[in-house]
C-alpha atoms as a PDB file:
ATOM      1  CA  MET A   1     -17.580 -16.667   8.573  1.00  0.00           C
ATOM      2  CA  PRO A   2     -19.766 -13.780   9.697  1.00  0.00           C
ATOM      3  CA  CYS A   3     -18.100 -10.395   9.941  1.00  0.00           C
ATOM      4  CA  GLU A   4     -19.308  -6.844  10.312  1.00  0.00           C
ATOM      5  CA  VAL A   5     -18.463  -4.252   7.684  1.00  0.00           C
ATOM      6  CA  LEU A   6     -19.329  -0.633   7.099  1.00  0.00           C
ATOM      7  CA  VAL A   7     -21.140  -0.347   3.751  1.00  0.00           C
ATOM      8  CA  ASP A   8     -19.800   2.961   2.419  1.00  0.00           C
ATOM      9  CA  SER A   9     -20.989   4.040  -1.029  1.00  0.00           C
ATOM     10  CA  GLY A  10     -18.548   6.971  -0.821  1.00  0.00           C
ATOM     11  CA  ALA A  11     -15.485   4.762  -0.316  1.00  0.00           C
ATOM     12  CA  ASP A  12     -13.451   4.011  -3.423  1.00  0.00           C
ATOM     13  CA  PHE A  13     -12.101   0.673  -2.218  1.00  0.00           C
ATOM     14  CA  CYS A  14     -12.713  -2.092   0.296  1.00  0.00           C
ATOM     15  CA  ILE A  15     -10.596  -2.335   3.427  1.00  0.00           C
ATOM     16  CA  LEU A  16     -10.728  -5.772   5.002  1.00  0.00           C
ATOM     17  CA  LYS A  17      -8.687  -7.679   7.526  1.00  0.00           C
ATOM     18  CA  ALA A  18      -6.039  -9.822   5.872  1.00  0.00           C
ATOM     19  CA  GLU A  19      -7.414 -12.828   7.761  1.00  0.00           C
ATOM     20  CA  ILE A  20     -10.731 -12.442   5.890  1.00  0.00           C
ATOM     21  CA  GLY A  21      -8.873 -12.483   2.573  1.00  0.00           C
ATOM     22  CA  GLU A  22      -7.075 -15.653   3.613  1.00  0.00           C
ATOM     23  CA  ILE A  23     -10.360 -17.337   4.611  1.00  0.00           C
ATOM     24  CA  LEU A  24     -11.810 -16.388   1.211  1.00  0.00           C
ATOM     25  CA  GLY A  25      -8.843 -18.041  -0.485  1.00  0.00           C
ATOM     26  CA  PHE A  26      -6.914 -14.954  -1.623  1.00  0.00           C
ATOM     27  CA  ASP A  27      -3.134 -14.987  -1.610  1.00  0.00           C
ATOM     28  CA  VAL A  28      -2.954 -11.827   0.479  1.00  0.00           C
ATOM     29  CA  GLN A  29       0.790 -11.538  -0.077  1.00  0.00           C
ATOM     30  CA  THR A  30       0.343 -11.016  -3.851  1.00  0.00           C
ATOM     31  CA  ALA A  31      -3.250  -9.748  -4.110  1.00  0.00           C
ATOM     32  CA  GLU A  32      -4.456  -6.182  -3.658  1.00  0.00           C
ATOM     33  CA  PRO A  33      -3.392  -4.996  -0.213  1.00  0.00           C
ATOM     34  CA  PHE A  34      -5.368  -6.215   2.802  1.00  0.00           C
ATOM     35  CA  SER A  35      -4.607  -4.922   6.277  1.00  0.00           C
ATOM     36  CA  TYR A  36      -3.183  -6.897   9.170  1.00  0.00           C
ATOM     37  CA  ASN A  37      -3.398  -3.719  11.246  1.00  0.00           C
ATOM     38  CA  ILE A  38      -7.149  -3.219  11.767  1.00  0.00           C
ATOM     39  CA  PRO A  39      -7.521  -3.128  15.547  1.00  0.00           C
ATOM     40  CA  SER A  40     -10.080  -5.156  17.446  1.00  0.00           C
ATOM     41  CA  GLY A  41     -13.312  -3.198  17.226  1.00  0.00           C
ATOM     42  CA  GLY A  42     -12.067  -1.363  14.122  1.00  0.00           C
ATOM     43  CA  HIS A  43     -14.296  -1.147  11.070  1.00  0.00           C
ATOM     44  CA  GLN A  44     -13.833  -3.027   7.865  1.00  0.00           C
ATOM     45  CA  VAL A  45     -15.191  -1.090   4.887  1.00  0.00           C
ATOM     46  CA  VAL A  46     -16.761  -2.206   1.623  1.00  0.00           C
ATOM     47  CA  GLY A  47     -16.742   0.438  -1.107  1.00  0.00           C
ATOM     48  CA  GLN A  48     -17.064   0.937  -4.864  1.00  0.00           C
ATOM     49  CA  VAL A  49     -14.287  -1.326  -6.217  1.00  0.00           C
ATOM     50  CA  GLY A  50     -14.839  -4.913  -5.091  1.00  0.00           C
ATOM     51  CA  PHE A  51     -18.340  -4.486  -3.677  1.00  0.00           C
ATOM     52  CA  PHE A  52     -20.626  -1.955  -5.345  1.00  0.00           C
ATOM     53  CA  ASP A  53     -19.215  -2.884  -8.754  1.00  0.00           C
ATOM     54  CA  GLN A  54     -20.195  -6.531  -8.089  1.00  0.00           C
ATOM     55  CA  PHE A  55     -23.749  -6.110  -6.766  1.00  0.00           C
ATOM     56  CA  LYS A  56     -26.957  -4.219  -7.365  1.00  0.00           C
ATOM     57  CA  VAL A  57     -27.465  -2.572  -3.994  1.00  0.00           C
ATOM     58  CA  ASN A  58     -30.839  -1.415  -2.665  1.00  0.00           C
ATOM     59  CA  PHE A  59     -30.926   0.566   0.580  1.00  0.00           C
ATOM     60  CA  ASP A  60     -34.288   0.596   2.375  1.00  0.00           C
ATOM     61  CA  TYR A  61     -33.895   3.195   5.114  1.00  0.00           C
ATOM     62  CA  ARG A  62     -37.386   2.758   6.567  1.00  0.00           C
ATOM     63  CA  GLU A  63     -36.970  -1.018   6.958  1.00  0.00           C
ATOM     64  CA  ALA A  64     -33.276  -0.679   7.970  1.00  0.00           C
ATOM     65  CA  MET A  65     -32.355  -3.212   5.325  1.00  0.00           C
ATOM     66  CA  ILE A  66     -29.859  -3.588   2.493  1.00  0.00           C
ATOM     67  CA  VAL A  67     -30.664  -5.958  -0.389  1.00  0.00           C
ATOM     68  CA  LEU A  68     -27.807  -7.278  -2.554  1.00  0.00           C
ATOM     69  CA  ARG A  69     -28.279  -8.882  -5.944  1.00  0.00           C
ATOM     70  CA  PRO A  70     -25.393 -10.094  -8.113  1.00  0.00           C
ATOM     71  CA  LYS A  71     -24.797  -8.132 -11.291  1.00  0.00           C
ATOM     72  CA  ARG A  72     -25.102 -10.306 -14.367  1.00  0.00           C
END
């Protein structure tokens, strides 16, 4: 399911809609908190824990591109 997120290298944690967690198979009632309160048009955020710690991230400002590679 496509979704837009703000890639924020300064954010400590990820903030995602609870519905996304459910689609990904997380038990959102017992997992790390997800939010049911992100309004329509609100931003989901991916940060250090749960995103940057999982991928090698390369920002290419000139090409307006982000390349993700799994960490091994």
